[in-house]
Amino acid sequence: KELSGILANAIKPKSVDSKVEAHSVWTKTRGLLIKIAMHCDGQAINAIIDTGSQLNIVNKHIWKMIINRPIDIAKSVSMNDANGGEGKLRGLVSNVPLNCGGVNTQANLFVGDHVPFSLLLGRPWQRGNFVSIDERKDGTWLLF
């Protein structure tokens, strides 16, 4: 009887006190961007969710100031952006904890010196954390 009570409490849905807000921003050249506030070690990072990106990328400044974890420079890659430009990503920071409200996720992030965003979460983050994007009449929803 005691074990069944423990199990029932363990699988019971838990309420999340913190409010999560995501919003979309329309740009002339790229269409609709999904932006959301993520947290790493309690510090906020504004993230873009990019369903077309095969990489997760963090700005070098955010990596140094907030994420502050070791980088594997042997895992540097070249990338092509949506405008046809090419850039070099300096290395990989593995297993970075990223929280959205009460939801804990993690990501492997490539570090970019001159990227025009703080954090870009692409398909690897979405698939690795089972994140779905649901388009509804009242807006775009991220489902964790």
N, C-alpha and C. Protein backbone atom coordinates (compact mmCIF):
# COMPACT_ATOMS: atom_id res chain seq x y z
N LYS A 1 0.82 -1.19 0.00
CA LYS A 1 0.00 0.00 0.00
C LYS A 1 0.87 1.26 0.00
N GLU A 2 1.92 1.27 0.81
CA GLU A 2 2.81 2.42 0.89
C GLU A 2 3.52 2.66 -0.45
N LEU A 3 3.97 1.59 -1.09
CA LEU A 3 4.65 1.70 -2.37
C LEU A 3 3.73 2.26 -3.44
N SER A 4 2.47 1.86 -3.44
CA SER A 4 1.54 2.39 -4.45
C SER A 4 1.28 3.88 -4.23
N GLY A 5 1.28 4.33 -2.99
CA GLY A 5 1.13 5.77 -2.70
C GLY A 5 2.32 6.57 -3.18
N ILE A 6 3.51 6.03 -2.97
CA ILE A 6 4.74 6.70 -3.44
C ILE A 6 4.73 6.78 -4.96
N LEU A 7 4.36 5.68 -5.60
CA LEU A 7 4.31 5.66 -7.07
C LEU A 7 3.27 6.64 -7.59
N ALA A 8 2.10 6.69 -6.96
CA ALA A 8 1.04 7.62 -7.38
C ALA A 8 1.52 9.06 -7.28
N ASN A 9 2.22 9.41 -6.20
CA ASN A 9 2.74 10.77 -6.03
C ASN A 9 3.83 11.08 -7.04
N ALA A 10 4.63 10.09 -7.40
CA ALA A 10 5.73 10.31 -8.34
C ALA A 10 5.24 10.59 -9.75
N ILE A 11 4.12 9.99 -10.14
CA ILE A 11 3.64 10.19 -11.51
C ILE A 11 2.55 11.24 -11.62
N LYS A 12 2.12 11.79 -10.49
CA LYS A 12 1.09 12.83 -10.50
C LYS A 12 1.65 14.09 -11.15
N PRO A 13 0.88 14.72 -12.08
CA PRO A 13 1.35 15.96 -12.70
C PRO A 13 1.57 17.03 -11.64
N LYS A 14 2.67 17.74 -11.79
CA LYS A 14 3.00 18.77 -10.83
C LYS A 14 2.77 20.14 -11.47
N SER A 15 2.24 21.05 -10.69
CA SER A 15 2.01 22.39 -11.23
C SER A 15 3.32 23.17 -11.24
N VAL A 16 3.43 24.04 -12.21
CA VAL A 16 4.61 24.88 -12.35
C VAL A 16 4.22 26.29 -11.98
N ASP A 17 4.91 26.87 -11.01
CA ASP A 17 4.57 28.20 -10.53
C ASP A 17 4.98 29.30 -11.50
N SER A 18 6.10 29.12 -12.16
CA SER A 18 6.60 30.19 -13.01
C SER A 18 5.84 30.24 -14.33
N LYS A 19 5.65 31.43 -14.82
CA LYS A 19 4.94 31.67 -16.06
C LYS A 19 5.96 31.71 -17.20
N VAL A 20 5.66 31.03 -18.29
CA VAL A 20 6.56 31.01 -19.44
C VAL A 20 5.89 31.78 -20.56
N GLU A 21 6.64 32.66 -21.18
CA GLU A 21 6.08 33.44 -22.26
C GLU A 21 6.97 33.34 -23.48
N ALA A 22 6.36 32.98 -24.59
CA ALA A 22 7.06 32.96 -25.87
C ALA A 22 6.33 33.90 -26.81
N HIS A 23 7.05 34.49 -27.74
CA HIS A 23 6.39 35.35 -28.71
C HIS A 23 7.06 35.22 -30.05
N SER A 24 6.32 35.63 -31.06
CA SER A 24 6.82 35.57 -32.42
C SER A 24 7.11 36.98 -32.91
N VAL A 25 8.13 37.11 -33.73
CA VAL A 25 8.51 38.39 -34.29
C VAL A 25 8.60 38.24 -35.80
N TRP A 26 7.93 39.10 -36.54
CA TRP A 26 7.95 39.05 -38.00
C TRP A 26 9.11 39.89 -38.53
N THR A 27 9.92 39.32 -39.39
CA THR A 27 10.99 40.07 -40.03
C THR A 27 10.75 40.06 -41.53
N LYS A 28 11.20 41.08 -42.22
CA LYS A 28 10.97 41.18 -43.67
C LYS A 28 11.71 40.11 -44.45
N THR A 29 12.90 39.75 -44.00
CA THR A 29 13.73 38.84 -44.79
C THR A 29 13.63 37.38 -44.36
N ARG A 30 13.28 37.12 -43.11
CA ARG A 30 13.32 35.75 -42.63
C ARG A 30 11.96 35.18 -42.23
N GLY A 31 10.90 35.98 -42.26
CA GLY A 31 9.61 35.48 -41.84
C GLY A 31 9.46 35.54 -40.34
N LEU A 32 8.67 34.64 -39.81
CA LEU A 32 8.32 34.65 -38.40
C LEU A 32 9.39 33.96 -37.55
N LEU A 33 9.90 34.67 -36.54
CA LEU A 33 10.87 34.09 -35.61
C LEU A 33 10.18 33.78 -34.29
N ILE A 34 10.50 32.65 -33.71
CA ILE A 34 9.97 32.29 -32.40
C ILE A 34 11.04 32.62 -31.37
N LYS A 35 10.70 33.50 -30.43
CA LYS A 35 11.65 33.91 -29.40
C LYS A 35 11.10 33.51 -28.04
N ILE A 36 12.01 33.06 -27.18
CA ILE A 36 11.62 32.61 -25.84
C ILE A 36 12.75 32.88 -24.85
N ALA A 37 12.38 33.15 -23.62
CA ALA A 37 13.38 33.36 -22.57
C ALA A 37 13.77 32.01 -21.97
N MET A 38 15.03 31.68 -22.06
CA MET A 38 15.57 30.47 -21.43
C MET A 38 16.45 30.93 -20.27
N HIS A 39 16.79 30.01 -19.38
CA HIS A 39 17.68 30.33 -18.27
C HIS A 39 18.79 29.27 -18.17
N CYS A 40 19.98 29.73 -17.87
CA CYS A 40 21.11 28.85 -17.59
C CYS A 40 21.69 29.30 -16.26
N ASP A 41 21.70 28.39 -15.31
CA ASP A 41 22.19 28.71 -13.96
C ASP A 41 21.51 29.95 -13.38
N GLY A 42 20.21 30.07 -13.64
CA GLY A 42 19.41 31.16 -13.09
C GLY A 42 19.50 32.48 -13.84
N GLN A 43 20.30 32.56 -14.90
CA GLN A 43 20.45 33.79 -15.66
C GLN A 43 19.71 33.68 -16.99
N ALA A 44 18.97 34.72 -17.34
CA ALA A 44 18.13 34.72 -18.54
C ALA A 44 18.96 34.87 -19.81
N ILE A 45 18.54 34.14 -20.83
CA ILE A 45 19.12 34.24 -22.17
C ILE A 45 17.95 34.27 -23.15
N ASN A 46 17.90 35.27 -24.02
CA ASN A 46 16.87 35.34 -25.04
C ASN A 46 17.25 34.40 -26.18
N ALA A 47 16.38 33.45 -26.47
CA ALA A 47 16.67 32.43 -27.47
C ALA A 47 15.73 32.55 -28.67
N ILE A 48 16.24 32.14 -29.81
CA ILE A 48 15.45 32.01 -31.03
C ILE A 48 15.32 30.51 -31.28
N ILE A 49 14.10 30.06 -31.53
CA ILE A 49 13.86 28.67 -31.91
C ILE A 49 13.85 28.62 -33.43
N ASP A 50 14.76 27.86 -34.01
CA ASP A 50 14.91 27.82 -35.47
C ASP A 50 14.76 26.38 -35.97
N THR A 51 13.59 26.10 -36.53
CA THR A 51 13.31 24.74 -37.01
C THR A 51 14.12 24.39 -38.25
N GLY A 52 14.77 25.37 -38.87
CA GLY A 52 15.56 25.11 -40.06
C GLY A 52 17.05 24.95 -39.80
N SER A 53 17.46 25.09 -38.54
CA SER A 53 18.88 25.00 -38.22
C SER A 53 19.27 23.59 -37.79
N GLN A 54 20.38 23.14 -38.31
CA GLN A 54 20.91 21.83 -37.92
C GLN A 54 21.88 21.95 -36.75
N LEU A 55 22.05 23.17 -36.23
CA LEU A 55 22.98 23.42 -35.12
C LEU A 55 22.31 24.23 -34.03
N ASN A 56 22.82 24.10 -32.82
CA ASN A 56 22.50 24.99 -31.70
C ASN A 56 23.71 25.91 -31.55
N ILE A 57 23.47 27.22 -31.50
CA ILE A 57 24.59 28.17 -31.50
C ILE A 57 24.38 29.21 -30.41
N VAL A 58 25.45 29.52 -29.69
CA VAL A 58 25.43 30.56 -28.67
C VAL A 58 26.44 31.64 -29.04
N ASN A 59 26.09 32.88 -28.78
CA ASN A 59 26.99 34.01 -28.99
C ASN A 59 28.16 33.90 -28.01
N LYS A 60 29.35 34.23 -28.47
CA LYS A 60 30.57 34.12 -27.65
C LYS A 60 30.43 34.90 -26.34
N HIS A 61 29.84 36.06 -26.38
CA HIS A 61 29.68 36.89 -25.17
C HIS A 61 28.79 36.17 -24.14
N ILE A 62 27.70 35.58 -24.59
CA ILE A 62 26.79 34.85 -23.69
C ILE A 62 27.49 33.62 -23.12
N TRP A 63 28.26 32.94 -23.96
CA TRP A 63 29.02 31.78 -23.48
C TRP A 63 29.97 32.18 -22.36
N LYS A 64 30.71 33.27 -22.56
CA LYS A 64 31.68 33.70 -21.55
C LYS A 64 31.02 34.21 -20.27
N MET A 65 29.96 35.00 -20.42
CA MET A 65 29.36 35.69 -19.27
C MET A 65 28.34 34.84 -18.50
N ILE A 66 27.60 33.99 -19.20
CA ILE A 66 26.51 33.27 -18.54
C ILE A 66 26.76 31.77 -18.47
N ILE A 67 27.06 31.16 -19.60
CA ILE A 67 27.18 29.71 -19.65
C ILE A 67 28.45 29.24 -18.95
N ASN A 68 29.56 29.88 -19.26
CA ASN A 68 30.81 29.70 -18.51
C ASN A 68 31.19 28.23 -18.26
N ARG A 69 31.18 27.46 -19.34
CA ARG A 69 31.57 26.04 -19.27
C ARG A 69 32.67 25.80 -20.29
N PRO A 70 33.43 24.71 -20.12
CA PRO A 70 34.54 24.44 -21.04
C PRO A 70 34.07 24.24 -22.48
N ILE A 71 34.94 24.63 -23.40
CA ILE A 71 34.67 24.48 -24.83
C ILE A 71 35.68 23.49 -25.43
N ASP A 72 35.20 22.65 -26.31
CA ASP A 72 36.06 21.71 -27.04
C ASP A 72 36.37 22.35 -28.40
N ILE A 73 37.55 22.98 -28.51
CA ILE A 73 37.90 23.68 -29.75
C ILE A 73 38.23 22.72 -30.89
N ALA A 74 38.41 21.45 -30.58
CA ALA A 74 38.64 20.46 -31.63
C ALA A 74 37.36 20.22 -32.44
N LYS A 75 36.22 20.64 -31.91
CA LYS A 75 34.93 20.44 -32.59
C LYS A 75 34.46 21.71 -33.28
N SER A 76 35.36 22.50 -33.83
CA SER A 76 35.00 23.69 -34.60
C SER A 76 34.40 23.26 -35.93
N VAL A 77 33.43 24.06 -36.40
CA VAL A 77 32.79 23.76 -37.69
C VAL A 77 32.59 25.04 -38.47
N SER A 78 32.45 24.89 -39.78
CA SER A 78 32.04 26.01 -40.63
C SER A 78 30.54 25.90 -40.84
N MET A 79 29.90 27.04 -40.93
CA MET A 79 28.45 27.01 -41.15
C MET A 79 28.07 27.98 -42.24
N ASN A 80 26.97 27.68 -42.89
CA ASN A 80 26.38 28.59 -43.88
C ASN A 80 25.11 29.16 -43.28
N ASP A 81 24.95 30.47 -43.38
CA ASP A 81 23.73 31.06 -42.83
C ASP A 81 22.64 31.14 -43.90
N ALA A 82 21.47 31.61 -43.50
CA ALA A 82 20.32 31.66 -44.41
C ALA A 82 20.52 32.65 -45.55
N ASN A 83 21.45 33.59 -45.40
CA ASN A 83 21.70 34.59 -46.44
C ASN A 83 22.83 34.19 -47.38
N GLY A 84 23.36 32.97 -47.22
CA GLY A 84 24.42 32.50 -48.10
C GLY A 84 25.82 32.80 -47.60
N GLY A 85 25.94 33.43 -46.44
CA GLY A 85 27.25 33.72 -45.88
C GLY A 85 27.82 32.50 -45.19
N GLU A 86 29.13 32.54 -44.96
CA GLU A 86 29.80 31.43 -44.27
C GLU A 86 30.54 31.97 -43.07
N GLY A 87 30.53 31.21 -42.00
CA GLY A 87 31.23 31.60 -40.79
C GLY A 87 31.81 30.40 -40.10
N LYS A 88 32.75 30.64 -39.19
CA LYS A 88 33.38 29.56 -38.43
C LYS A 88 32.87 29.62 -37.00
N LEU A 89 32.50 28.46 -36.49
CA LEU A 89 32.09 28.34 -35.09
C LEU A 89 33.27 27.77 -34.33
N ARG A 90 33.64 28.41 -33.23
CA ARG A 90 34.93 28.15 -32.58
C ARG A 90 35.03 26.86 -31.80
N GLY A 91 33.93 26.19 -31.46
CA GLY A 91 34.01 24.94 -30.72
C GLY A 91 32.66 24.57 -30.14
N LEU A 92 32.66 23.49 -29.38
CA LEU A 92 31.42 22.94 -28.84
C LEU A 92 31.43 22.92 -27.32
N VAL A 93 30.35 23.41 -26.73
CA VAL A 93 30.14 23.35 -25.28
C VAL A 93 29.04 22.30 -25.07
N SER A 94 29.36 21.23 -24.36
CA SER A 94 28.44 20.10 -24.23
C SER A 94 27.59 20.15 -22.97
N ASN A 95 26.40 19.58 -23.11
CA ASN A 95 25.48 19.37 -21.99
C ASN A 95 25.18 20.63 -21.17
N VAL A 96 24.80 21.68 -21.87
CA VAL A 96 24.48 22.95 -21.21
C VAL A 96 23.03 22.87 -20.70
N PRO A 97 22.81 23.08 -19.39
CA PRO A 97 21.43 23.05 -18.88
C PRO A 97 20.71 24.35 -19.24
N LEU A 98 19.54 24.20 -19.86
CA LEU A 98 18.72 25.34 -20.23
C LEU A 98 17.31 25.08 -19.71
N ASN A 99 16.79 26.04 -18.96
CA ASN A 99 15.47 25.89 -18.36
C ASN A 99 14.50 26.88 -18.99
N CYS A 100 13.28 26.41 -19.15
CA CYS A 100 12.18 27.24 -19.64
C CYS A 100 11.05 27.08 -18.65
N GLY A 101 10.88 28.06 -17.77
CA GLY A 101 9.91 27.90 -16.69
C GLY A 101 10.34 26.75 -15.81
N GLY A 102 9.47 25.78 -15.63
CA GLY A 102 9.81 24.62 -14.82
C GLY A 102 10.32 23.44 -15.61
N VAL A 103 10.58 23.65 -16.90
CA VAL A 103 11.03 22.55 -17.76
C VAL A 103 12.55 22.62 -17.91
N ASN A 104 13.23 21.52 -17.59
CA ASN A 104 14.68 21.45 -17.73
C ASN A 104 15.02 20.77 -19.05
N THR A 105 15.87 21.43 -19.83
CA THR A 105 16.37 20.84 -21.08
C THR A 105 17.89 20.94 -21.06
N GLN A 106 18.52 20.36 -22.06
CA GLN A 106 19.96 20.54 -22.21
C GLN A 106 20.29 20.62 -23.69
N ALA A 107 21.45 21.22 -23.97
CA ALA A 107 21.85 21.38 -25.36
C ALA A 107 23.36 21.34 -25.48
N ASN A 108 23.81 20.89 -26.63
CA ASN A 108 25.21 21.01 -27.02
C ASN A 108 25.27 22.24 -27.93
N LEU A 109 26.07 23.23 -27.54
CA LEU A 109 26.07 24.52 -28.21
C LEU A 109 27.40 24.80 -28.89
N PHE A 110 27.35 25.18 -30.17
CA PHE A 110 28.53 25.70 -30.85
C PHE A 110 28.63 27.19 -30.54
N VAL A 111 29.83 27.70 -30.40
CA VAL A 111 30.06 29.09 -30.03
C VAL A 111 30.43 29.89 -31.28
N GLY A 112 29.67 30.98 -31.51
CA GLY A 112 29.93 31.85 -32.66
C GLY A 112 30.41 33.21 -32.21
N ASP A 113 31.47 33.71 -32.85
CA ASP A 113 32.03 35.01 -32.49
C ASP A 113 31.15 36.18 -32.90
N HIS A 114 30.60 36.13 -34.09
CA HIS A 114 29.87 37.28 -34.65
C HIS A 114 28.49 36.88 -35.12
N VAL A 115 27.72 36.22 -34.26
CA VAL A 115 26.36 35.85 -34.63
C VAL A 115 25.39 36.91 -34.11
N PRO A 116 24.30 37.20 -34.84
CA PRO A 116 23.40 38.31 -34.48
C PRO A 116 22.30 37.92 -33.49
N PHE A 117 22.58 37.00 -32.60
CA PHE A 117 21.60 36.57 -31.61
C PHE A 117 22.36 36.08 -30.38
N SER A 118 21.65 35.93 -29.27
CA SER A 118 22.27 35.41 -28.05
C SER A 118 22.35 33.89 -28.09
N LEU A 119 21.24 33.26 -28.47
CA LEU A 119 21.16 31.81 -28.46
C LEU A 119 20.20 31.36 -29.55
N LEU A 120 20.63 30.42 -30.36
CA LEU A 120 19.78 29.84 -31.39
C LEU A 120 19.65 28.35 -31.09
N LEU A 121 18.42 27.92 -30.89
CA LEU A 121 18.16 26.51 -30.61
C LEU A 121 17.52 25.89 -31.84
N GLY A 122 18.25 24.96 -32.45
CA GLY A 122 17.82 24.34 -33.69
C GLY A 122 17.23 22.96 -33.48
N ARG A 123 17.21 22.20 -34.56
CA ARG A 123 16.61 20.86 -34.52
C ARG A 123 17.25 19.91 -33.50
N PRO A 124 18.57 19.95 -33.28
CA PRO A 124 19.13 19.04 -32.27
C PRO A 124 18.54 19.25 -30.88
N TRP A 125 18.32 20.51 -30.50
CA TRP A 125 17.70 20.80 -29.20
C TRP A 125 16.25 20.34 -29.19
N GLN A 126 15.53 20.64 -30.27
CA GLN A 126 14.11 20.27 -30.33
C GLN A 126 13.93 18.76 -30.24
N ARG A 127 14.70 18.03 -31.02
CA ARG A 127 14.56 16.57 -31.04
C ARG A 127 15.07 15.94 -29.75
N GLY A 128 16.20 16.42 -29.25
CA GLY A 128 16.79 15.85 -28.05
C GLY A 128 15.97 16.07 -26.80
N ASN A 129 15.12 17.11 -26.80
CA ASN A 129 14.30 17.42 -25.64
C ASN A 129 12.81 17.23 -25.89
N PHE A 130 12.48 16.61 -27.02
CA PHE A 130 11.09 16.31 -27.38
C PHE A 130 10.22 17.56 -27.37
N VAL A 131 10.69 18.61 -28.03
CA VAL A 131 9.96 19.87 -28.11
C VAL A 131 9.20 19.91 -29.43
N SER A 132 7.90 20.16 -29.33
CA SER A 132 7.06 20.29 -30.53
C SER A 132 6.61 21.73 -30.66
N ILE A 133 6.36 22.14 -31.87
CA ILE A 133 5.83 23.47 -32.13
C ILE A 133 4.43 23.29 -32.68
N ASP A 134 3.47 23.93 -32.02
CA ASP A 134 2.07 23.79 -32.37
C ASP A 134 1.53 25.15 -32.81
N GLU A 135 1.09 25.23 -34.04
CA GLU A 135 0.51 26.48 -34.56
C GLU A 135 -0.98 26.47 -34.29
N ARG A 136 -1.46 27.49 -33.58
CA ARG A 136 -2.87 27.60 -33.24
C ARG A 136 -3.39 28.97 -33.63
N LYS A 137 -4.70 29.13 -33.61
CA LYS A 137 -5.28 30.44 -33.95
C LYS A 137 -4.80 31.53 -33.01
N ASP A 138 -4.56 31.16 -31.75
CA ASP A 138 -4.15 32.17 -30.77
C ASP A 138 -2.63 32.30 -30.65
N GLY A 139 -1.88 31.70 -31.57
CA GLY A 139 -0.43 31.88 -31.56
C GLY A 139 0.35 30.59 -31.74
N THR A 140 1.64 30.71 -31.58
CA THR A 140 2.57 29.59 -31.70
C THR A 140 2.91 29.08 -30.31
N TRP A 141 2.80 27.77 -30.09
CA TRP A 141 3.03 27.18 -28.78
C TRP A 141 4.19 26.20 -28.86
N LEU A 142 5.06 26.25 -27.87
CA LEU A 142 6.10 25.23 -27.72
C LEU A 142 5.60 24.22 -26.71
N LEU A 143 5.62 22.96 -27.08
CA LEU A 143 5.15 21.89 -26.21
C LEU A 143 6.35 21.06 -25.77
N PHE A 144 6.54 20.94 -24.48
CA PHE A 144 7.66 20.18 -23.93
C PHE A 144 7.15 18.84 -23.43
